[in-house]
Amino acid sequence: MFKKLRAPDNKTLNHSGRSFIGETLQLEGDFRSSGSVDVAGLINGNVYVSEISITETGSIRGTLEANVVEINGHIEGKLVADSIIIGKNAVIKGDIFFKNTLKTEEGADIDGYIKRVNNGKENSDEDITIEEIVERIDTRKPKTVPAMQHKEAV
């Protein structure tokens, strides 16, 4: 009549699930998921996920690393992702590092450094030209200009 249930294997992760952190939920500590996560509550800790969407009521205080990020809430910490979409209501206080795309809607509040990181791609001609301009050292000797002879007023 009753079947004996086997305990789930905690070492394997479900790669197709979507998790939700509700408005009334506050997590303390690091959060990891191989799936997608929707955050409407607060996470105090580092977040490592495949895909994340932060709603207007959602907040993260810590480093966020993901493949795809959509932000409409608050982040206080470093953000590292392949693709990032920043909504008009987003508030980000921290550095942003992206690999492929960064889209920002007008009205977003960003206080931090934004940098596209090289993901092993070849430098384009434009990238190389810019690097040469910035890093070029002028090897020419400066011209010597003779000192001006001052005539005394008579």
Protein backbone atom coordinates (compact mmCIF):
# COMPACT_ATOMS: atom_id res chain seq x y z
CA MET A 1 0.00 0.00 0.00
CA PHE A 2 2.75 2.46 0.86
CA LYS A 3 5.89 2.71 -1.19
CA LYS A 4 9.19 3.44 0.41
CA LEU A 5 10.40 6.81 -0.88
CA ARG A 6 14.03 7.17 -1.68
CA ALA A 7 15.79 10.29 -0.35
CA PRO A 8 16.72 12.71 -3.13
CA ASP A 9 20.33 12.86 -4.18
CA ASN A 10 21.50 16.28 -2.98
CA LYS A 11 24.61 16.19 -5.16
CA THR A 12 22.74 16.49 -8.47
CA LEU A 13 21.16 19.74 -9.62
CA ASN A 14 18.01 20.12 -11.68
CA HIS A 15 19.16 22.14 -14.70
CA SER A 16 15.70 23.00 -15.99
CA GLY A 17 14.07 24.52 -12.89
CA ARG A 18 13.10 28.13 -12.28
CA SER A 19 13.25 29.36 -8.70
CA PHE A 20 11.41 32.29 -7.14
CA ILE A 21 12.48 34.34 -4.15
CA GLY A 22 9.35 36.16 -3.01
CA GLU A 23 9.01 39.68 -1.63
CA THR A 24 8.73 38.42 1.95
CA LEU A 25 11.85 36.23 1.72
CA GLN A 26 15.30 37.34 2.88
CA LEU A 27 18.29 35.05 2.29
CA GLU A 28 21.55 35.37 4.22
CA GLY A 29 24.64 33.81 2.60
CA ASP A 30 25.77 32.70 -0.83
CA PHE A 31 23.17 31.47 -3.30
CA ARG A 32 23.93 29.04 -6.16
CA SER A 33 21.67 27.66 -8.86
CA SER A 34 22.29 26.07 -12.23
CA GLY A 35 18.83 27.18 -13.32
CA SER A 36 16.95 30.46 -13.59
CA VAL A 37 15.99 32.62 -10.62
CA ASP A 38 13.46 35.41 -10.18
CA VAL A 39 14.24 37.66 -7.20
CA ALA A 40 11.54 39.82 -5.63
CA GLY A 41 12.99 39.62 -2.10
CA LEU A 42 16.42 40.31 -0.58
CA ILE A 43 19.63 38.29 -0.88
CA ASN A 44 22.50 39.30 1.42
CA GLY A 45 25.36 37.34 -0.10
CA ASN A 46 26.99 36.37 -3.35
CA VAL A 47 24.80 34.95 -6.12
CA TYR A 48 26.01 32.49 -8.79
CA VAL A 49 23.27 31.49 -11.24
CA SER A 50 22.70 30.71 -14.90
CA GLU A 51 19.97 33.30 -15.46
CA ILE A 52 18.45 35.85 -13.08
CA SER A 53 15.70 38.43 -13.17
CA ILE A 54 15.51 40.98 -10.37
CA THR A 55 12.10 42.63 -10.04
CA GLU A 56 11.51 46.19 -8.82
CA THR A 57 11.16 44.92 -5.25
CA GLY A 58 14.20 42.62 -5.49
CA SER A 59 17.63 43.41 -4.01
CA ILE A 60 21.03 41.75 -3.93
CA ARG A 61 23.85 42.86 -1.63
CA GLY A 62 26.92 41.02 -2.85
CA THR A 63 28.60 39.82 -6.01
CA LEU A 64 26.30 38.61 -8.80
CA GLU A 65 27.70 36.27 -11.46
CA ALA A 66 25.41 34.91 -14.16
CA ASN A 67 25.12 34.22 -17.87
CA VAL A 68 22.03 36.39 -18.40
CA VAL A 69 20.88 39.17 -16.05
CA GLU A 70 17.78 41.39 -16.16
CA ILE A 71 17.65 44.06 -13.46
CA ASN A 72 14.70 46.19 -12.45
CA GLY A 73 15.54 46.30 -8.74
CA HIS A 74 18.66 47.00 -6.65
CA ILE A 75 22.17 45.57 -6.69
CA GLU A 76 24.90 46.63 -4.30
CA GLY A 77 28.08 44.86 -5.37
CA LYS A 78 30.00 43.63 -8.40
CA LEU A 79 28.03 42.35 -11.39
CA VAL A 80 29.62 39.92 -13.87
CA ALA A 81 27.58 38.47 -16.75
CA ASP A 82 27.59 37.57 -20.43
CA SER A 83 24.46 39.61 -21.23
CA ILE A 84 22.88 42.30 -19.06
CA ILE A 85 19.62 44.22 -19.41
CA ILE A 86 19.20 47.14 -17.01
CA GLY A 87 15.65 48.46 -16.68
CA LYS A 88 14.64 52.07 -16.11
CA ASN A 89 13.90 51.47 -12.40
CA ALA A 90 17.20 49.67 -11.68
CA VAL A 91 19.66 50.98 -9.10
CA ILE A 92 23.18 49.55 -9.27
CA LYS A 93 25.94 50.53 -6.86
CA GLY A 94 28.98 48.59 -7.99
CA ASP A 95 31.13 47.70 -10.96
CA ILE A 96 29.62 46.03 -14.03
CA PHE A 97 31.61 43.60 -16.18
CA PHE A 98 29.91 42.12 -19.26
CA LYS A 99 31.12 39.87 -22.09
CA ASN A 100 28.57 40.13 -24.90
CA THR A 101 25.80 42.71 -24.51
CA LEU A 102 24.76 45.49 -22.16
CA LYS A 103 21.41 47.22 -22.65
CA THR A 104 20.38 50.09 -20.41
CA GLU A 105 17.04 51.87 -20.37
CA GLU A 106 16.92 55.61 -19.79
CA GLY A 107 16.37 56.37 -16.11
CA ALA A 108 18.53 53.59 -14.65
CA ASP A 109 20.79 54.68 -11.78
CA ILE A 110 24.30 53.25 -12.09
CA ASP A 111 27.09 54.22 -9.70
CA GLY A 112 30.16 52.23 -10.71
CA TYR A 113 32.61 51.28 -13.39
CA ILE A 114 31.33 49.59 -16.57
CA LYS A 115 33.73 47.44 -18.58
CA ARG A 116 33.40 44.95 -21.39
CA VAL A 117 35.67 42.04 -20.62
CA ASN A 118 37.42 40.07 -23.34
CA ASN A 119 36.05 36.57 -23.58
CA GLY A 120 38.92 35.14 -25.60
CA LYS A 121 37.79 36.96 -28.75
CA GLU A 122 40.30 38.25 -31.23
CA ASN A 123 40.94 41.97 -31.05
CA SER A 124 39.27 43.79 -33.91
CA ASP A 125 41.22 46.32 -35.97
CA GLU A 126 39.45 49.12 -34.10
CA ASP A 127 40.43 47.65 -30.69
CA ILE A 128 44.04 47.30 -31.81
CA THR A 129 44.13 50.85 -33.18
CA ILE A 130 42.74 52.26 -29.94
CA GLU A 131 45.25 50.26 -27.88
CA GLU A 132 48.13 51.48 -30.08
CA ILE A 133 47.03 55.08 -29.65
CA VAL A 134 46.74 54.76 -25.88
CA GLU A 135 49.92 52.77 -25.35
CA ARG A 136 52.15 54.43 -27.98
CA ILE A 137 55.37 55.83 -26.59
CA ASP A 138 56.81 58.85 -28.35
CA THR A 139 60.40 57.86 -29.19
CA ARG A 140 61.27 61.14 -30.91
CA LYS A 141 63.63 63.44 -29.09
CA PRO A 142 62.08 66.70 -28.04
CA LYS A 143 63.15 69.70 -30.05
CA THR A 144 65.59 72.00 -28.32
CA VAL A 145 64.41 75.52 -28.33
CA PRO A 146 67.07 78.19 -27.65
CA ALA A 147 66.42 80.42 -24.69
CA MET A 148 65.04 83.81 -25.60
CA GLN A 149 67.47 86.72 -25.47
CA HIS A 150 65.96 89.44 -23.36
CA LYS A 151 66.70 93.00 -24.41
CA GLU A 152 66.89 95.44 -21.62
CA ALA A 153 64.87 98.57 -21.98
CA VAL A 154 67.02 101.66 -22.59
